[in-house]
Amino acid sequence: MRCPIDGSALVITDRSGVEIDYCPQCRGVWLDRGELDKIIDRSASYSAPPPPPQHSRDDRSDHGYRKKKKRGGFLDELFDF
């Protein structure tokens, strides 16, 4: 099967029991009928990580500068080609 965007050959991979067609060139992802439903079902069983501990205002070790960390989810694990 060819990528509808750039015409290169699609690669089929298995991620968490779901077959995913993706293009290694443009990184487009195509799902067949029912695959999105499987992904949604798996997301319902995903439990979010616990929130980070709260720091008191007296803790000045970070001087008020904190980087926000991206919260990962099951899709990060699913689409890490």
PDB file of N, CA and C in Angstrom:
ATOM      1  N   MET A   1       0.846  -1.170   0.000  1.00  0.00           N
ATOM      2  CA  MET A   1       0.000   0.000   0.000  1.00  0.00           C
ATOM      3  C   MET A   1       0.896   1.239   0.000  1.00  0.00           C
ATOM      4  N   ARG A   2       0.475   2.264  -0.688  1.00  0.00           N
ATOM      5  CA  ARG A   2       1.246   3.501  -0.831  1.00  0.00           C
ATOM      6  C   ARG A   2       0.664   4.613   0.043  1.00  0.00           C
ATOM      7  N   CYS A   3       1.537   5.496   0.492  1.00  0.00           N
ATOM      8  CA  CYS A   3       1.135   6.659   1.286  1.00  0.00           C
ATOM      9  C   CYS A   3       0.374   7.621   0.381  1.00  0.00           C
ATOM     10  N   PRO A   4      -0.821   8.063   0.787  1.00  0.00           N
ATOM     11  CA  PRO A   4      -1.570   8.999  -0.044  1.00  0.00           C
ATOM     12  C   PRO A   4      -0.942  10.393  -0.093  1.00  0.00           C
ATOM     13  N   ILE A   5      -0.027  10.689   0.810  1.00  0.00           N
ATOM     14  CA  ILE A   5       0.582  12.020   0.844  1.00  0.00           C
ATOM     15  C   ILE A   5       1.812  12.092  -0.052  1.00  0.00           C
ATOM     16  N   ASP A   6       2.770  11.163   0.146  1.00  0.00           N
ATOM     17  CA  ASP A   6       4.020  11.257  -0.618  1.00  0.00           C
ATOM     18  C   ASP A   6       4.313  10.046  -1.506  1.00  0.00           C
ATOM     19  N   GLY A   7       3.445   9.041  -1.503  1.00  0.00           N
ATOM     20  CA  GLY A   7       3.585   7.914  -2.405  1.00  0.00           C
ATOM     21  C   GLY A   7       4.576   6.843  -1.994  1.00  0.00           C
ATOM     22  N   SER A   8       5.223   6.978  -0.844  1.00  0.00           N
ATOM     23  CA  SER A   8       6.163   5.941  -0.409  1.00  0.00           C
ATOM     24  C   SER A   8       5.397   4.763   0.189  1.00  0.00           C
ATOM     25  N   ALA A   9       6.086   3.635   0.312  1.00  0.00           N
ATOM     26  CA  ALA A   9       5.441   2.419   0.812  1.00  0.00           C
ATOM     27  C   ALA A   9       5.143   2.545   2.300  1.00  0.00           C
ATOM     28  N   LEU A  10       3.913   2.166   2.690  1.00  0.00           N
ATOM     29  CA  LEU A  10       3.525   2.191   4.093  1.00  0.00           C
ATOM     30  C   LEU A  10       4.108   0.983   4.816  1.00  0.00           C
ATOM     31  N   VAL A  11       4.401   1.151   6.075  1.00  0.00           N
ATOM     32  CA  VAL A  11       4.928   0.084   6.918  1.00  0.00           C
ATOM     33  C   VAL A  11       3.845  -0.299   7.908  1.00  0.00           C
ATOM     34  N   ILE A  12       3.660  -1.599   8.115  1.00  0.00           N
ATOM     35  CA  ILE A  12       2.679  -2.088   9.080  1.00  0.00           C
ATOM     36  C   ILE A  12       3.426  -2.505  10.333  1.00  0.00           C
ATOM     37  N   THR A  13       2.967  -2.022  11.478  1.00  0.00           N
ATOM     38  CA  THR A  13       3.573  -2.383  12.746  1.00  0.00           C
ATOM     39  C   THR A  13       2.485  -2.723  13.742  1.00  0.00           C
ATOM     40  N   ASP A  14       2.839  -3.497  14.747  1.00  0.00           N
ATOM     41  CA  ASP A  14       1.900  -3.891  15.789  1.00  0.00           C
ATOM     42  C   ASP A  14       2.247  -3.123  17.055  1.00  0.00           C
ATOM     43  N   ARG A  15       1.310  -2.351  17.536  1.00  0.00           N
ATOM     44  CA  ARG A  15       1.491  -1.593  18.774  1.00  0.00           C
ATOM     45  C   ARG A  15       0.358  -1.940  19.727  1.00  0.00           C
ATOM     46  N   SER A  16       0.691  -2.605  20.799  1.00  0.00           N
ATOM     47  CA  SER A  16      -0.297  -2.976  21.826  1.00  0.00           C
ATOM     48  C   SER A  16      -1.468  -3.749  21.248  1.00  0.00           C
ATOM     49  N   GLY A  17      -1.177  -4.637  20.317  1.00  0.00           N
ATOM     50  CA  GLY A  17      -2.221  -5.468  19.739  1.00  0.00           C
ATOM     51  C   GLY A  17      -3.016  -4.803  18.634  1.00  0.00           C
ATOM     52  N   VAL A  18      -2.626  -3.611  18.209  1.00  0.00           N
ATOM     53  CA  VAL A  18      -3.321  -2.894  17.138  1.00  0.00           C
ATOM     54  C   VAL A  18      -2.356  -2.731  15.975  1.00  0.00           C
ATOM     55  N   GLU A  19      -2.765  -3.198  14.793  1.00  0.00           N
ATOM     56  CA  GLU A  19      -1.933  -3.024  13.604  1.00  0.00           C
ATOM     57  C   GLU A  19      -2.095  -1.607  13.086  1.00  0.00           C
ATOM     58  N   ILE A  20      -0.976  -0.943  12.895  1.00  0.00           N
ATOM     59  CA  ILE A  20      -0.984   0.449  12.455  1.00  0.00           C
ATOM     60  C   ILE A  20      -0.192   0.550  11.161  1.00  0.00           C
ATOM     61  N   ASP A  21      -0.759   1.228  10.168  1.00  0.00           N
ATOM     62  CA  ASP A  21      -0.047   1.516   8.926  1.00  0.00           C
ATOM     63  C   ASP A  21       0.526   2.927   9.060  1.00  0.00           C
ATOM     64  N   TYR A  22       1.822   3.074   8.821  1.00  0.00           N
ATOM     65  CA  TYR A  22       2.404   4.408   8.904  1.00  0.00           C
ATOM     66  C   TYR A  22       3.434   4.603   7.799  1.00  0.00           C
ATOM     67  N   CYS A  23       3.671   5.857   7.484  1.00  0.00           N
ATOM     68  CA  CYS A  23       4.638   6.232   6.463  1.00  0.00           C
ATOM     69  C   CYS A  23       5.929   6.649   7.150  1.00  0.00           C
ATOM     70  N   PRO A  24       7.051   5.989   6.849  1.00  0.00           N
ATOM     71  CA  PRO A  24       8.307   6.366   7.485  1.00  0.00           C
ATOM     72  C   PRO A  24       8.842   7.713   6.999  1.00  0.00           C
ATOM     73  N   GLN A  25       8.355   8.209   5.868  1.00  0.00           N
ATOM     74  CA  GLN A  25       8.827   9.487   5.336  1.00  0.00           C
ATOM     75  C   GLN A  25       8.110  10.675   5.984  1.00  0.00           C
ATOM     76  N   CYS A  26       6.784  10.709   5.869  1.00  0.00           N
ATOM     77  CA  CYS A  26       6.023  11.852   6.399  1.00  0.00           C
ATOM     78  C   CYS A  26       5.465  11.582   7.789  1.00  0.00           C
ATOM     79  N   ARG A  27       5.618  10.344   8.276  1.00  0.00           N
ATOM     80  CA  ARG A  27       5.170   9.905   9.597  1.00  0.00           C
ATOM     81  C   ARG A  27       3.652   9.987   9.756  1.00  0.00           C
ATOM     82  N   GLY A  28       2.936   9.902   8.648  1.00  0.00           N
ATOM     83  CA  GLY A  28       1.481   9.839   8.692  1.00  0.00           C
ATOM     84  C   GLY A  28       1.050   8.473   9.187  1.00  0.00           C
ATOM     85  N   VAL A  29      -0.077   8.417   9.889  1.00  0.00           N
ATOM     86  CA  VAL A  29      -0.589   7.174  10.464  1.00  0.00           C
ATOM     87  C   VAL A  29      -1.992   6.934   9.931  1.00  0.00           C
ATOM     88  N   TRP A  30      -2.253   5.705   9.481  1.00  0.00           N
ATOM     89  CA  TRP A  30      -3.559   5.332   8.970  1.00  0.00           C
ATOM     90  C   TRP A  30      -4.051   4.121   9.735  1.00  0.00           C
ATOM     91  N   LEU A  31      -5.310   4.186  10.143  1.00  0.00           N
ATOM     92  CA  LEU A  31      -5.928   3.109  10.903  1.00  0.00           C
ATOM     93  C   LEU A  31      -7.046   2.489  10.085  1.00  0.00           C
ATOM     94  N   ASP A  32      -7.164   1.164  10.173  1.00  0.00           N
ATOM     95  CA  ASP A  32      -8.252   0.461   9.507  1.00  0.00           C
ATOM     96  C   ASP A  32      -9.485   0.494  10.398  1.00  0.00           C
ATOM     97  N   ARG A  33     -10.603   0.030   9.858  1.00  0.00           N
ATOM     98  CA  ARG A  33     -11.852   0.007  10.597  1.00  0.00           C
ATOM     99  C   ARG A  33     -11.681  -0.794  11.896  1.00  0.00           C
ATOM    100  N   GLY A  34     -12.114  -0.232  12.994  1.00  0.00           N
ATOM    101  CA  GLY A  34     -12.067  -0.915  14.285  1.00  0.00           C
ATOM    102  C   GLY A  34     -10.796  -0.650  15.074  1.00  0.00           C
ATOM    103  N   GLU A  35      -9.738  -0.215  14.418  1.00  0.00           N
ATOM    104  CA  GLU A  35      -8.476   0.012  15.133  1.00  0.00           C
ATOM    105  C   GLU A  35      -8.565   1.230  16.060  1.00  0.00           C
ATOM    106  N   LEU A  36      -9.269   2.258  15.637  1.00  0.00           N
ATOM    107  CA  LEU A  36      -9.450   3.413  16.500  1.00  0.00           C
ATOM    108  C   LEU A  36     -10.263   3.028  17.736  1.00  0.00           C
ATOM    109  N   ASP A  37     -11.274   2.167  17.558  1.00  0.00           N
ATOM    110  CA  ASP A  37     -12.062   1.703  18.698  1.00  0.00           C
ATOM    111  C   ASP A  37     -11.194   0.946  19.705  1.00  0.00           C
ATOM    112  N   LYS A  38     -10.271   0.123  19.202  1.00  0.00           N
ATOM    113  CA  LYS A  38      -9.361  -0.602  20.086  1.00  0.00           C
ATOM    114  C   LYS A  38      -8.476   0.366  20.868  1.00  0.00           C
ATOM    115  N   ILE A  39      -7.990   1.406  20.202  1.00  0.00           N
ATOM    116  CA  ILE A  39      -7.144   2.395  20.870  1.00  0.00           C
ATOM    117  C   ILE A  39      -7.941   3.138  21.940  1.00  0.00           C
ATOM    118  N   ILE A  40      -9.182   3.489  21.630  1.00  0.00           N
ATOM    119  CA  ILE A  40     -10.028   4.182  22.605  1.00  0.00           C
ATOM    120  C   ILE A  40     -10.308   3.281  23.804  1.00  0.00           C
ATOM    121  N   ASP A  41     -10.582   1.998  23.556  1.00  0.00           N
ATOM    122  CA  ASP A  41     -10.812   1.056  24.660  1.00  0.00           C
ATOM    123  C   ASP A  41      -9.593   0.957  25.565  1.00  0.00           C
ATOM    124  N   ARG A  42      -8.408   0.934  24.970  1.00  0.00           N
ATOM    125  CA  ARG A  42      -7.188   0.844  25.772  1.00  0.00           C
ATOM    126  C   ARG A  42      -6.943   2.132  26.557  1.00  0.00           C
ATOM    127  N   SER A  43      -7.372   3.266  26.004  1.00  0.00           N
ATOM    128  CA  SER A  43      -7.170   4.528  26.714  1.00  0.00           C
ATOM    129  C   SER A  43      -8.056   4.617  27.949  1.00  0.00           C
ATOM    130  N   ALA A  44      -9.203   3.960  27.925  1.00  0.00           N
ATOM    131  CA  ALA A  44     -10.089   3.974  29.092  1.00  0.00           C
ATOM    132  C   ALA A  44      -9.459   3.233  30.262  1.00  0.00           C
ATOM    133  N   SER A  45      -8.614   2.243  29.964  1.00  0.00           N
ATOM    134  CA  SER A  45      -7.981   1.483  31.035  1.00  0.00           C
ATOM    135  C   SER A  45      -6.671   2.106  31.484  1.00  0.00           C
ATOM    136  N   TYR A  46      -6.221   3.158  30.806  1.00  0.00           N
ATOM    137  CA  TYR A  46      -4.986   3.836  31.156  1.00  0.00           C
ATOM    138  C   TYR A  46      -5.195   4.663  32.420  1.00  0.00           C
ATOM    139  N   SER A  47      -4.300   4.507  33.364  1.00  0.00           N
ATOM    140  CA  SER A  47      -4.394   5.316  34.576  1.00  0.00           C
ATOM    141  C   SER A  47      -3.303   6.376  34.547  1.00  0.00           C
ATOM    142  N   ALA A  48      -3.691   7.587  34.794  1.00  0.00           N
ATOM    143  CA  ALA A  48      -2.751   8.708  34.758  1.00  0.00           C
ATOM    144  C   ALA A  48      -1.767   8.603  35.924  1.00  0.00           C
ATOM    145  N   PRO A  49      -0.530   9.077  35.727  1.00  0.00           N
ATOM    146  CA  PRO A  49       0.435   9.037  36.816  1.00  0.00           C
ATOM    147  C   PRO A  49       0.000   9.961  37.949  1.00  0.00           C
ATOM    148  N   PRO A  50       0.418   9.669  39.179  1.00  0.00           N
ATOM    149  CA  PRO A  50       0.023  10.510  40.300  1.00  0.00           C
ATOM    150  C   PRO A  50       0.617  11.906  40.156  1.00  0.00           C
ATOM    151  N   PRO A  51      -0.062  12.913  40.681  1.00  0.00           N
ATOM    152  CA  PRO A  51       0.458  14.275  40.565  1.00  0.00           C
ATOM    153  C   PRO A  51       1.746  14.433  41.370  1.00  0.00           C
ATOM    154  N   PRO A  52       2.612  15.348  40.951  1.00  0.00           N
ATOM    155  CA  PRO A  52       3.867  15.549  41.681  1.00  0.00           C
ATOM    156  C   PRO A  52       3.590  16.135  43.066  1.00  0.00           C
ATOM    157  N   PRO A  53       4.475  15.899  44.011  1.00  0.00           N
ATOM    158  CA  PRO A  53       4.259  16.444  45.355  1.00  0.00           C
ATOM    159  C   PRO A  53       4.306  17.972  45.323  1.00  0.00           C
ATOM    160  N   GLN A  54       3.492  18.583  46.165  1.00  0.00           N
ATOM    161  CA  GLN A  54       3.437  20.034  46.247  1.00  0.00           C
ATOM    162  C   GLN A  54       4.604  20.548  47.077  1.00  0.00           C
ATOM    163  N   HIS A  55       5.274  21.577  46.579  1.00  0.00           N
ATOM    164  CA  HIS A  55       6.374  22.193  47.314  1.00  0.00           C
ATOM    165  C   HIS A  55       5.830  23.369  48.112  1.00  0.00           C
ATOM    166  N   SER A  56       6.394  23.576  49.252  1.00  0.00           N
ATOM    167  CA  SER A  56       5.984  24.731  50.041  1.00  0.00           C
ATOM    168  C   SER A  56       6.611  25.991  49.451  1.00  0.00           C
ATOM    169  N   ARG A  57       6.062  27.127  49.786  1.00  0.00           N
ATOM    170  CA  ARG A  57       6.586  28.395  49.279  1.00  0.00           C
ATOM    171  C   ARG A  57       7.963  28.702  49.873  1.00  0.00           C
ATOM    172  N   ASP A  58       8.314  28.035  50.972  1.00  0.00           N
ATOM    173  CA  ASP A  58       9.617  28.269  51.594  1.00  0.00           C
ATOM    174  C   ASP A  58      10.741  27.569  50.843  1.00  0.00           C
ATOM    175  N   ASP A  59      10.404  26.638  49.957  1.00  0.00           N
ATOM    176  CA  ASP A  59      11.420  25.923  49.196  1.00  0.00           C
ATOM    177  C   ASP A  59      11.894  26.826  48.054  1.00  0.00           C
ATOM    178  N   ARG A  60      13.034  27.441  48.218  1.00  0.00           N
ATOM    179  CA  ARG A  60      13.542  28.383  47.228  1.00  0.00           C
ATOM    180  C   ARG A  60      14.678  27.796  46.404  1.00  0.00           C
ATOM    181  N   SER A  61      14.811  26.484  46.411  1.00  0.00           N
ATOM    182  CA  SER A  61      15.905  25.868  45.673  1.00  0.00           C
ATOM    183  C   SER A  61      15.744  26.027  44.166  1.00  0.00           C
ATOM    184  N   ASP A  62      14.517  26.180  43.686  1.00  0.00           N
ATOM    185  CA  ASP A  62      14.327  26.333  42.242  1.00  0.00           C
ATOM    186  C   ASP A  62      14.183  27.797  41.835  1.00  0.00           C
ATOM    187  N   HIS A  63      14.171  28.723  42.771  1.00  0.00           N
ATOM    188  CA  HIS A  63      14.106  30.160  42.535  1.00  0.00           C
ATOM    189  C   HIS A  63      12.903  30.549  41.678  1.00  0.00           C
ATOM    190  N   GLY A  64      11.848  29.780  41.768  1.00  0.00           N
ATOM    191  CA  GLY A  64      10.639  30.101  41.032  1.00  0.00           C
ATOM    192  C   GLY A  64      10.646  29.675  39.579  1.00  0.00           C
ATOM    193  N   TYR A  65      11.733  29.084  39.130  1.00  0.00           N
ATOM    194  CA  TYR A  65      11.817  28.643  37.737  1.00  0.00           C
ATOM    195  C   TYR A  65      11.668  27.137  37.685  1.00  0.00           C
ATOM    196  N   ARG A  66      10.596  26.704  37.109  1.00  0.00           N
ATOM    197  CA  ARG A  66      10.372  25.270  36.943  1.00  0.00           C
ATOM    198  C   ARG A  66       9.960  25.011  35.512  1.00  0.00           C
ATOM    199  N   LYS A  67      10.549  24.006  34.936  1.00  0.00           N
ATOM    200  CA  LYS A  67      10.144  23.599  33.594  1.00  0.00           C
ATOM    201  C   LYS A  67       8.900  22.751  33.716  1.00  0.00           C
ATOM    202  N   LYS A  68       7.968  22.976  32.834  1.00  0.00           N
ATOM    203  CA  LYS A  68       6.777  22.141  32.813  1.00  0.00           C
ATOM    204  C   LYS A  68       7.107  20.861  32.078  1.00  0.00           C
ATOM    205  N   LYS A  69       6.761  19.767  32.686  1.00  0.00           N
ATOM    206  CA  LYS A  69       7.041  18.462  32.087  1.00  0.00           C
ATOM    207  C   LYS A  69       5.805  18.003  31.331  1.00  0.00           C
ATOM    208  N   LYS A  70       6.026  17.533  30.107  1.00  0.00           N
ATOM    209  CA  LYS A  70       4.926  16.987  29.328  1.00  0.00           C
ATOM    210  C   LYS A  70       4.458  15.700  29.982  1.00  0.00           C
ATOM    211  N   ARG A  71       3.167  15.582  30.103  1.00  0.00           N
ATOM    212  CA  ARG A  71       2.620  14.369  30.677  1.00  0.00           C
ATOM    213  C   ARG A  71       2.406  13.370  29.558  1.00  0.00           C
ATOM    214  N   GLY A  72       3.036  12.228  29.672  1.00  0.00           N
ATOM    215  CA  GLY A  72       2.915  11.209  28.641  1.00  0.00           C
ATOM    216  C   GLY A  72       1.638  10.422  28.798  1.00  0.00           C
ATOM    217  N   GLY A  73       1.228   9.818  27.742  1.00  0.00           N
ATOM    218  CA  GLY A  73       0.040   8.989  27.763  1.00  0.00           C
ATOM    219  C   GLY A  73       0.277   7.735  26.951  1.00  0.00           C
ATOM    220  N   PHE A  74      -0.759   6.973  26.765  1.00  0.00           N
ATOM    221  CA  PHE A  74      -0.588   5.721  26.051  1.00  0.00           C
ATOM    222  C   PHE A  74      -0.289   5.971  24.569  1.00  0.00           C
ATOM    223  N   LEU A  75      -0.701   7.115  24.027  1.00  0.00           N
ATOM    224  CA  LEU A  75      -0.405   7.392  22.626  1.00  0.00           C
ATOM    225  C   LEU A  75       1.070   7.652  22.391  1.00  0.00           C
ATOM    226  N   ASP A  76       1.766   8.228  23.389  1.00  0.00           N
ATOM    227  CA  ASP A  76       3.212   8.418  23.255  1.00  0.00           C
ATOM    228  C   ASP A  76       3.896   7.077  23.075  1.00  0.00           C
ATOM    229  N   GLU A  77       3.446   6.103  23.822  1.00  0.00           N
ATOM    230  CA  GLU A  77       4.021   4.762  23.739  1.00  0.00           C
ATOM    231  C   GLU A  77       3.620   4.081  22.427  1.00  0.00           C
ATOM    232  N   LEU A  78       2.419   4.386  21.964  1.00  0.00           N
ATOM    233  CA  LEU A  78       1.872   3.727  20.790  1.00  0.00           C
ATOM    234  C   LEU A  78       2.520   4.224  19.506  1.00  0.00           C
ATOM    235  N   PHE A  79       2.824   5.514  19.409  1.00  0.00           N
ATOM    236  CA  PHE A  79       3.311   6.098  18.179  1.00  0.00           C
ATOM    237  C   PHE A  79       4.778   6.494  18.215  1.00  0.00           C
ATOM    238  N   ASP A  80       5.621   5.788  18.949  1.00  0.00           N
ATOM    239  CA  ASP A  80       7.042   6.129  19.017  1.00  0.00           C
ATOM    240  C   ASP A  80       7.833   5.322  17.990  1.00  0.00           C
ATOM    241  N   PHE A  81       7.718   5.664  16.734  1.00  0.00           N
ATOM    242  CA  PHE A  81       8.337   4.903  15.659  1.00  0.00           C
ATOM    243  C   PHE A  81       9.809   5.159  15.635  1.00  0.00           C
TER     244      PHE A  81
END
